[in-house]
Protein backbone atom coordinates (compact mmCIF):
# COMPACT_ATOMS: atom_id res chain seq x y z
CA UNK A 1 17.62 19.23 3.71
CA UNK A 2 14.88 18.63 1.14
CA UNK A 3 11.56 18.81 2.98
CA UNK A 4 9.88 16.82 0.18
CA UNK A 5 10.68 13.70 2.22
CA UNK A 6 7.45 12.51 3.84
CA UNK A 7 8.15 9.54 6.07
CA UNK A 8 5.79 7.41 8.14
CA UNK A 9 7.69 5.88 11.06
CA UNK A 10 6.01 2.90 12.67
CA UNK A 11 6.95 1.15 15.94
CA UNK A 12 4.72 -0.74 18.39
CA UNK A 13 6.17 0.75 21.59
CA UNK A 14 8.58 3.63 20.99
CA UNK A 15 11.84 2.99 22.83
CA UNK A 16 14.88 5.23 23.23
CA UNK A 17 16.35 4.78 19.75
CA UNK A 18 12.89 5.26 18.20
CA UNK A 19 12.44 8.52 20.11
CA UNK A 20 15.78 9.77 18.83
CA UNK A 21 14.82 8.78 15.28
CA UNK A 22 11.50 10.62 15.61
CA UNK A 23 13.27 13.75 16.81
CA UNK A 24 15.78 13.57 13.98
CA UNK A 25 13.08 13.16 11.32
CA UNK A 26 10.86 15.82 12.86
CA UNK A 27 13.65 18.37 13.31
CA UNK A 28 14.57 18.01 9.64
CA UNK A 29 10.98 18.26 8.46
CA UNK A 30 10.86 14.70 7.14
CA UNK A 31 8.38 13.14 9.57
CA UNK A 32 4.86 12.93 8.15
CA UNK A 33 3.39 10.52 10.71
CA UNK A 34 4.28 8.35 13.71
CA UNK A 35 2.25 5.18 14.19
CA UNK A 36 2.32 3.25 17.46
CA UNK A 37 0.10 1.43 19.95
CA UNK A 38 -0.16 3.94 22.83
CA UNK A 39 1.10 7.52 22.98
CA UNK A 40 0.83 10.05 25.77
CA UNK A 41 1.65 13.76 25.55
CA UNK A 42 2.37 16.41 28.20
CA UNK A 43 -0.59 18.17 29.85
CA UNK A 44 -3.25 15.84 28.44
CA UNK A 45 -5.86 13.78 30.25
CA UNK A 46 -3.88 10.59 29.58
CA UNK A 47 -0.80 12.28 31.04
CA UNK A 48 -2.73 13.09 34.22
CA UNK A 49 -4.12 9.56 34.44
CA UNK A 50 -0.59 8.13 34.19
CA UNK A 51 0.08 9.55 37.67
CA UNK A 52 -2.28 6.92 39.07
CA UNK A 53 -0.33 3.85 40.20
CA UNK A 54 -2.32 1.29 38.14
CA UNK A 55 -1.66 3.39 35.00
CA UNK A 56 1.98 4.31 35.59
CA UNK A 57 3.07 2.18 32.62
CA UNK A 58 1.62 4.92 30.38
CA UNK A 59 4.42 7.23 31.50
CA UNK A 60 6.80 5.10 29.44
CA UNK A 61 4.75 6.04 26.34
CA UNK A 62 5.14 9.79 26.84
CA UNK A 63 6.37 11.57 23.73
CA UNK A 64 7.35 15.11 22.83
CA UNK A 65 4.38 17.44 22.42
CA UNK A 66 5.68 18.38 18.95
CA UNK A 67 4.60 14.92 17.75
CA UNK A 68 1.01 15.04 19.01
CA UNK A 69 -0.61 16.28 15.79
CA UNK A 70 1.07 13.62 13.60
CA UNK A 71 0.82 10.61 15.93
CA UNK A 72 -1.69 7.86 15.18
CA UNK A 73 -2.43 5.00 17.58
CA UNK A 74 -3.92 1.52 17.48
CA UNK A 75 -4.18 0.79 21.21
CA UNK A 76 -6.48 -2.21 21.70
CA UNK A 77 -3.89 -5.03 21.56
CA UNK A 78 -1.36 -3.17 23.72
CA UNK A 79 -3.96 -2.18 26.31
CA UNK A 80 -4.99 -5.84 26.43
CA UNK A 81 -1.35 -6.88 26.88
CA UNK A 82 -0.73 -4.46 29.73
CA UNK A 83 -3.94 -5.42 31.54
CA UNK A 84 -3.20 -9.14 31.07
CA UNK A 85 0.28 -8.71 32.52
CA UNK A 86 -1.11 -6.91 35.57
CA UNK A 87 -3.80 -9.53 36.07
CA UNK A 88 -1.36 -12.41 35.67
CA UNK A 89 -3.14 -13.92 32.67
CA UNK A 90 0.02 -15.46 31.20
CA UNK A 91 -1.78 -17.43 28.50
CA UNK A 92 -3.03 -14.19 26.92
CA UNK A 93 0.53 -12.83 26.54
CA UNK A 94 2.27 -16.14 25.72
CA UNK A 95 5.08 -15.84 23.16
CA UNK A 96 3.53 -15.66 19.68
CA UNK A 97 0.37 -17.60 20.61
CA UNK A 98 -1.27 -15.25 23.11
CA UNK A 99 -3.97 -12.97 21.72
CA UNK A 100 -2.23 -10.08 23.49
CA UNK A 101 1.37 -11.21 22.98
CA UNK A 102 3.96 -8.63 21.95
CA UNK A 103 3.95 -10.33 18.54
CA UNK A 104 0.24 -9.60 18.15
CA UNK A 105 0.78 -5.99 19.24
CA UNK A 106 3.52 -5.61 16.63
CA UNK A 107 1.37 -7.14 13.88
CA UNK A 108 -1.53 -4.89 14.84
CA UNK A 109 0.53 -1.71 14.42
CA UNK A 110 1.95 -3.12 11.20
CA UNK A 111 -1.53 -3.75 9.77
CA UNK A 112 -2.68 -0.34 11.00
CA UNK A 113 0.15 1.34 9.09
CA UNK A 114 -0.50 -0.71 5.96
CA UNK A 115 -4.13 0.47 5.94
CA UNK A 116 -3.00 4.08 6.35
CA UNK A 117 -0.69 3.65 3.37
CA UNK A 118 -3.51 2.24 1.26
CA UNK A 119 -5.36 5.54 1.67
CA UNK A 120 -2.11 7.58 1.82
CA UNK A 121 -3.90 10.84 2.46
CA UNK A 122 -0.70 12.37 3.85
CA UNK A 123 1.22 11.72 0.62
CA UNK A 124 3.96 9.61 2.22
CA UNK A 125 6.92 8.83 -0.01
CA UNK A 126 8.67 6.40 2.37
CA UNK A 127 7.99 4.15 5.35
CA UNK A 128 10.43 3.38 8.15
CA UNK A 129 9.59 0.31 10.23
CA UNK A 130 11.26 -2.14 12.60
CA UNK A 131 11.82 -5.90 12.76
CA UNK A 132 8.70 -8.00 13.46
CA UNK A 133 6.42 -5.02 12.78
CA UNK A 134 7.09 -4.23 9.13
CA UNK A 135 5.89 -6.93 6.72
CA UNK A 136 2.39 -5.74 5.79
CA UNK A 137 3.58 -2.13 5.76
CA UNK A 138 6.37 -3.03 3.34
CA UNK A 139 4.09 -5.05 1.09
CA UNK A 140 1.70 -2.11 0.84
CA UNK A 141 4.56 0.31 0.26
CA UNK A 142 5.73 -1.84 -2.63
CA UNK A 143 2.27 -1.97 -4.14
CA UNK A 144 2.01 1.84 -4.24
CA UNK A 145 5.63 2.33 -5.29
CA UNK A 146 7.30 3.92 -2.27
CA UNK A 147 10.55 2.79 -0.57
CA UNK A 148 10.44 0.54 2.50
CA UNK A 149 13.21 1.35 4.99
CA UNK A 150 13.97 -1.36 7.53
CA UNK A 151 15.51 -0.96 10.98
CA UNK A 152 17.11 -4.11 12.42
CA UNK A 153 18.01 -3.39 16.08
CA UNK A 154 19.37 -6.88 16.81
CA UNK A 155 21.48 -9.34 14.86
CA UNK A 156 19.96 -11.44 12.08
CA UNK A 157 18.35 -14.66 13.31
CA UNK A 158 20.22 -17.13 11.08
CA UNK A 159 23.55 -15.82 12.34
CA UNK A 160 22.28 -16.09 15.92
CA UNK A 161 21.38 -19.73 15.40
CA UNK A 162 24.76 -20.46 13.81
CA UNK A 163 26.80 -18.72 16.48
CA UNK A 164 24.79 -19.88 19.48
CA UNK A 165 24.13 -23.53 18.59
CA UNK A 166 27.57 -24.62 19.79
CA UNK A 167 26.95 -22.82 23.09
CA UNK A 168 23.79 -24.89 23.64
CA UNK A 169 25.77 -28.06 23.01
CA UNK A 170 28.85 -27.22 25.11
CA UNK A 171 26.94 -25.65 28.02
CA UNK A 172 23.77 -27.77 28.38
CA UNK A 173 23.31 -26.56 31.96
CA UNK A 174 22.79 -23.03 30.58
CA UNK A 175 20.77 -23.98 27.49
CA UNK A 176 17.40 -23.13 29.03
CA UNK A 177 18.44 -19.47 29.33
CA UNK A 178 18.95 -19.09 25.58
CA UNK A 179 15.43 -18.20 24.50
CA UNK A 180 16.22 -17.25 20.90
CA UNK A 181 15.61 -20.84 19.80
CA UNK A 182 11.91 -20.65 20.70
CA UNK A 183 10.71 -18.60 17.70
CA UNK A 184 8.42 -20.52 15.35
CA UNK A 185 9.28 -21.13 11.72
CA UNK A 186 6.45 -18.79 10.80
CA UNK A 187 7.99 -15.95 12.79
CA UNK A 188 11.44 -16.59 11.33
CA UNK A 189 10.00 -16.62 7.79
CA UNK A 190 8.30 -13.31 8.52
CA UNK A 191 11.69 -11.82 9.43
CA UNK A 192 13.12 -13.00 6.11
CA UNK A 193 10.12 -11.66 4.22
CA UNK A 194 10.59 -8.24 5.80
CA UNK A 195 14.16 -8.15 4.53
CA UNK A 196 13.02 -9.30 1.08
CA UNK A 197 10.61 -6.36 0.78
CA UNK A 198 13.02 -3.77 2.21
CA UNK A 199 14.82 -1.32 -0.09
CA UNK A 200 17.42 -0.30 2.49
CA UNK A 201 18.42 -1.53 5.96
CA UNK A 202 19.62 0.61 8.86
CA UNK A 203 21.53 -1.00 11.74
CA UNK A 204 23.32 0.38 14.81
CA UNK A 205 26.52 -1.67 14.73
CA UNK A 206 28.98 -3.21 12.31
CA UNK A 207 28.37 -6.56 13.98
CA UNK A 208 24.66 -6.45 13.14
CA UNK A 209 25.52 -5.60 9.54
CA UNK A 210 27.89 -8.57 9.43
CA UNK A 211 25.21 -10.97 10.70
CA UNK A 212 23.03 -10.07 7.71
CA UNK A 213 25.55 -11.80 5.45
CA UNK A 214 23.83 -15.02 6.56
CA UNK A 215 20.67 -13.94 4.72
CA UNK A 216 20.18 -16.41 1.84
CA UNK A 217 18.65 -13.91 -0.61
CA UNK A 218 19.85 -10.69 -2.23
CA UNK A 219 20.56 -8.17 0.53
CA UNK A 220 19.45 -4.55 0.22
CA UNK A 221 22.12 -1.93 0.90
CA UNK A 222 22.95 -1.47 4.59
CA UNK A 223 23.82 1.68 6.55
CA UNK A 224 25.51 1.49 9.97
CA UNK A 225 24.58 4.40 12.27
CA UNK A 226 25.47 3.81 15.95
CA UNK A 227 23.10 4.98 18.67
CA UNK A 228 23.97 7.92 20.90
CA UNK A 229 25.26 8.16 24.47
CA UNK A 230 23.37 9.49 27.49
CA UNK A 231 24.59 12.78 29.05
CA UNK A 232 28.03 12.29 30.59
CA UNK A 233 28.81 12.18 34.30
CA UNK A 234 32.02 14.14 34.79
CA UNK A 235 32.83 13.73 38.49
CA UNK A 236 33.35 9.97 38.82
CA UNK A 237 35.90 8.94 41.41
CA UNK A 238 37.87 5.70 41.22
CA UNK A 239 37.98 3.32 44.16
CA UNK A 240 40.74 2.38 46.61
CA UNK A 241 43.15 -0.01 44.90
CA UNK A 242 43.58 -1.95 48.14
CA UNK A 243 39.99 -3.17 47.98
CA UNK A 244 38.49 -5.84 45.69
CA UNK A 245 37.81 -4.75 42.12
CA UNK A 246 34.16 -3.75 41.80
CA UNK A 247 32.81 -5.48 38.68
CA UNK A 248 29.30 -4.74 37.39
CA UNK A 249 27.06 -6.58 34.93
CA UNK A 250 23.66 -5.26 33.83
CA UNK A 251 21.47 -7.24 31.43
CA UNK A 252 19.25 -10.26 30.97
CA UNK A 253 20.57 -13.31 32.78
CA UNK A 254 21.06 -15.46 29.71
CA UNK A 255 24.11 -17.18 28.27
CA UNK A 256 23.46 -15.16 25.11
CA UNK A 257 24.86 -12.33 27.26
CA UNK A 258 27.89 -14.46 28.21
CA UNK A 259 26.85 -14.59 31.87
CA UNK A 260 28.46 -18.03 32.42
CA UNK A 261 31.79 -16.71 31.15
CA UNK A 262 31.56 -13.82 33.59
CA UNK A 263 30.90 -16.12 36.55
CA UNK A 264 33.78 -18.41 35.53
CA UNK A 265 36.19 -15.48 35.32
CA UNK A 266 35.11 -14.06 38.68
CA UNK A 267 35.39 -17.48 40.34
CA UNK A 268 38.94 -17.74 38.97
CA UNK A 269 39.97 -14.68 41.00
CA UNK A 270 37.85 -15.22 44.12
CA UNK A 271 36.03 -12.76 46.37
CA UNK A 272 39.27 -11.36 47.81
CA UNK A 273 40.08 -9.87 44.42
CA UNK A 274 36.70 -9.19 42.78
CA UNK A 275 33.35 -8.00 44.14
CA UNK A 276 30.69 -8.81 41.52
CA UNK A 277 27.33 -7.05 41.28
CA UNK A 278 24.73 -8.40 38.84
CA UNK A 279 21.59 -6.48 37.86
CA UNK A 280 19.04 -8.18 35.64
CA UNK A 281 16.01 -10.40 35.44
CA UNK A 282 16.31 -14.15 35.10
CA UNK A 283 15.55 -15.41 31.60
CA UNK A 284 14.12 -18.56 33.20
CA UNK A 285 13.48 -19.77 36.74
CA UNK A 286 14.69 -23.36 36.34
CA UNK A 287 18.42 -22.92 35.68
CA UNK A 288 20.24 -24.37 38.71
CA UNK A 289 23.65 -23.26 37.40
CA UNK A 290 22.46 -19.65 37.34
CA UNK A 291 20.93 -19.84 40.82
CA UNK A 292 24.15 -21.24 42.27
CA UNK A 293 26.18 -18.35 40.87
CA UNK A 294 23.71 -15.62 41.85
CA UNK A 295 23.99 -16.82 45.46
CA UNK A 296 27.69 -15.87 45.44
CA UNK A 297 27.37 -12.26 44.23
CA UNK A 298 25.48 -9.06 44.93
CA UNK A 299 22.31 -9.74 42.95
CA UNK A 300 19.69 -7.09 42.17
CA UNK A 301 16.74 -8.30 40.02
CA UNK A 302 15.90 -4.84 38.67
CA UNK A 303 16.52 -1.12 39.13
CA UNK A 304 15.03 2.01 37.58
CA UNK A 305 17.19 3.46 34.82
CA UNK A 306 18.39 6.44 36.86
CA UNK A 307 19.46 4.12 39.69
CA UNK A 308 21.41 1.93 37.26
CA UNK A 309 23.35 5.01 36.12
CA UNK A 310 23.97 5.95 39.76
CA UNK A 311 25.22 2.42 40.50
CA UNK A 312 27.58 2.62 37.52
CA UNK A 313 29.18 5.68 39.08
CA UNK A 314 30.25 3.60 42.12
CA UNK A 315 31.84 0.67 40.24
CA UNK A 316 35.34 0.05 38.83
CA UNK A 317 34.65 -1.78 35.57
CA UNK A 318 31.60 -2.86 33.59
CA UNK A 319 31.75 -6.33 32.03
CA UNK A 320 29.38 -7.17 29.19
CA UNK A 321 30.63 -10.42 27.60
CA UNK A 322 27.71 -10.87 25.20
CA UNK A 323 27.87 -13.58 22.55
CA UNK A 324 25.31 -11.94 20.27
CA UNK A 325 24.20 -8.33 20.62
CA UNK A 326 22.83 -5.93 18.04
CA UNK A 327 24.21 -3.00 20.02
CA UNK A 328 24.24 -3.12 23.83
CA UNK A 329 22.89 0.16 25.23
CA UNK A 330 24.37 -0.66 28.65
CA UNK A 331 27.81 -0.26 27.06
CA UNK A 332 27.19 3.37 26.10
CA UNK A 333 25.43 4.02 29.42
CA UNK A 334 28.44 2.78 31.39
CA UNK A 335 30.91 4.76 29.28
CA UNK A 336 28.86 7.92 29.75
CA UNK A 337 29.21 7.51 33.53
CA UNK A 338 33.00 7.20 33.33
CA UNK A 339 32.86 3.45 33.93
CA UNK A 340 35.30 1.64 31.60
CA UNK A 341 33.84 -1.34 29.73
CA UNK A 342 35.05 -4.81 28.87
CA UNK A 343 32.92 -6.21 26.06
CA UNK A 344 33.16 -8.56 23.12
CA UNK A 345 33.64 -8.36 19.37
CA UNK A 346 29.95 -9.26 18.91
CA UNK A 347 28.52 -6.00 20.22
CA UNK A 348 28.84 -2.34 19.24
CA UNK A 349 32.11 -2.39 21.18
CA UNK A 350 34.49 -2.45 18.17
CA UNK A 351 32.66 0.57 16.68
CA UNK A 352 33.16 2.82 19.71
CA UNK A 353 35.96 1.28 21.82
CA UNK A 354 39.65 1.28 21.01
CA UNK A 355 41.20 -1.60 22.96
CA UNK A 356 43.14 -0.48 26.05
CA UNK A 357 42.40 3.20 25.35
CA UNK A 358 38.75 3.80 26.32
CA UNK A 359 37.83 0.21 27.19
CA UNK A 360 38.66 -3.34 26.23
CA UNK A 361 37.47 -5.77 23.53
CA UNK A 362 37.67 -9.51 24.22
CA UNK A 363 36.78 -12.58 22.17
CA UNK A 364 33.12 -13.59 22.48
CA UNK A 365 32.65 -16.84 24.39
CA UNK A 366 36.22 -16.90 25.70
CA UNK A 367 36.52 -17.04 29.48
CA UNK A 368 40.31 -17.02 29.12
CA UNK A 369 40.17 -13.76 27.17
CA UNK A 370 38.13 -12.16 29.96
CA UNK A 371 40.46 -13.53 32.67
CA UNK A 372 43.48 -12.10 30.88
CA UNK A 373 41.84 -8.70 30.61
CA UNK A 374 40.90 -8.64 34.29
CA UNK A 375 44.41 -9.76 35.26
CA UNK A 376 45.88 -6.77 33.43
CA UNK A 377 43.53 -4.42 35.26
CA UNK A 378 44.23 -5.99 38.66
CA UNK A 379 47.95 -5.65 38.07
CA UNK A 380 47.63 -1.96 37.16
CA UNK A 381 44.53 -0.31 38.61
CA UNK A 382 45.57 3.06 37.12
CA UNK A 383 44.18 1.71 33.82
CA UNK A 384 40.67 2.18 35.20
CA UNK A 385 40.91 5.94 35.51
CA UNK A 386 42.75 6.31 32.20
CA UNK A 387 40.17 4.29 30.28
CA UNK A 388 37.27 5.73 32.27
CA UNK A 389 38.19 9.31 31.42
CA UNK A 390 38.62 8.39 27.76
CA UNK A 391 35.27 6.59 27.80
CA UNK A 392 33.62 9.79 29.05
CA UNK A 393 35.39 11.77 26.32
CA UNK A 394 34.06 9.35 23.71
CA UNK A 395 30.54 9.63 25.12
CA UNK A 396 30.63 13.43 25.09
CA UNK A 397 31.17 13.43 21.31
CA UNK A 398 27.99 11.55 20.39
CA UNK A 399 24.60 12.36 21.87
CA UNK A 400 21.25 10.84 20.98
CA UNK A 401 20.57 14.00 18.96
CA UNK A 402 23.64 13.15 16.84
CA UNK A 403 22.16 9.73 16.12
CA UNK A 404 18.77 11.15 15.15
CA UNK A 405 20.32 13.72 12.82
CA UNK A 406 22.65 11.20 11.16
CA UNK A 407 19.75 8.80 10.64
CA UNK A 408 17.65 11.56 9.08
CA UNK A 409 20.53 12.48 6.79
CA UNK A 410 21.06 8.82 5.89
CA UNK A 411 17.42 8.32 5.00
CA UNK A 412 17.42 11.54 2.98
CA UNK A 413 20.43 10.29 1.00
CA UNK A 414 18.72 6.96 0.31
CA UNK A 415 15.50 8.61 -0.87
CA UNK A 416 17.18 11.18 -3.05
CA UNK A 417 19.70 8.85 -4.65
CA UNK A 418 17.09 6.12 -5.16
CA UNK A 419 19.29 3.36 -3.79
CA UNK A 420 18.09 -0.05 -4.91
CA UNK A 421 19.37 -3.58 -4.49
């Protein structure tokens, strides 16, 4: 690969897909700089301090030592956010308005990167930035004549409004859980402006790419590169068919995730046939419909990631009936543990699941579609092992390293073929 690529990757926090992207760019010699809010590296003072209970959040910002010399941080806003959350100062972290809101953290890292580009002492020839944290970076990139590469991890907002509005109207008792309608017009315009200034867009699912067709302007070219799977668990056992089917859901408790459809389907079969476990935080605390359903199932507000994977190993089927999902990492996590997945056509599901072979795809928003799928499984429990084994086989073929390498290759192709609108 041509090592003339010099990319600045910018992200306010640095989650799993960002880490894989960083590794891919760094392994191929393309990464010139990584900009974020807080970064910790092995065997440093900050790493030692993260062992203290009040500072344990820093452990989540631990990156590979190979990145230490090219990582640049702008920590003030994020430190303020973390301290405000611990102290319970909700007004300081309030959505958009709070001085230490996640929006302000994102804008701070964006501005930080734009200033670095203005000086451009590292000779960057491309920037790679993410939704809500890219606008000023992209404007500066345009002014100095280098490509702006945009990563959209979730579906495009106009499509979300179009697809979810009917859900608000038909399920008013669940409307409060659908928080995507709370973004200000200013924030939504910023999202559109980021797309306007982008030269190329990278997404992780075909569904996300499809949502961008709702963009009213001229779309840049789009590349679909699915995320990777965690390491596979190869010794899963499948439960006694004489017992209730163990159904698991993990995710935010919002109707955007199709949680009402799940409860309706489970209620159709009753506790003699299905044992439901739900793991996830409430989107709101004032939804009586949600509280009534949580009282009927095994409810766990939160679990560490490793314990979620361990729980997946004990279940029969994972149900993720999301109505609007850019990817759905819990889908790949479940498959990697040998747990077959039922999910919808508005997730990454259609990109990685072949219906009735390594999982099942149902129609988003359709309780009847979910009931039919569960009926087929209850009538033939051998399907669980068949699909579970195939899910593990699928997971074994695509690691996070595969994602990082494919992304690096995709960016290299864009830069060297000078893709434009």
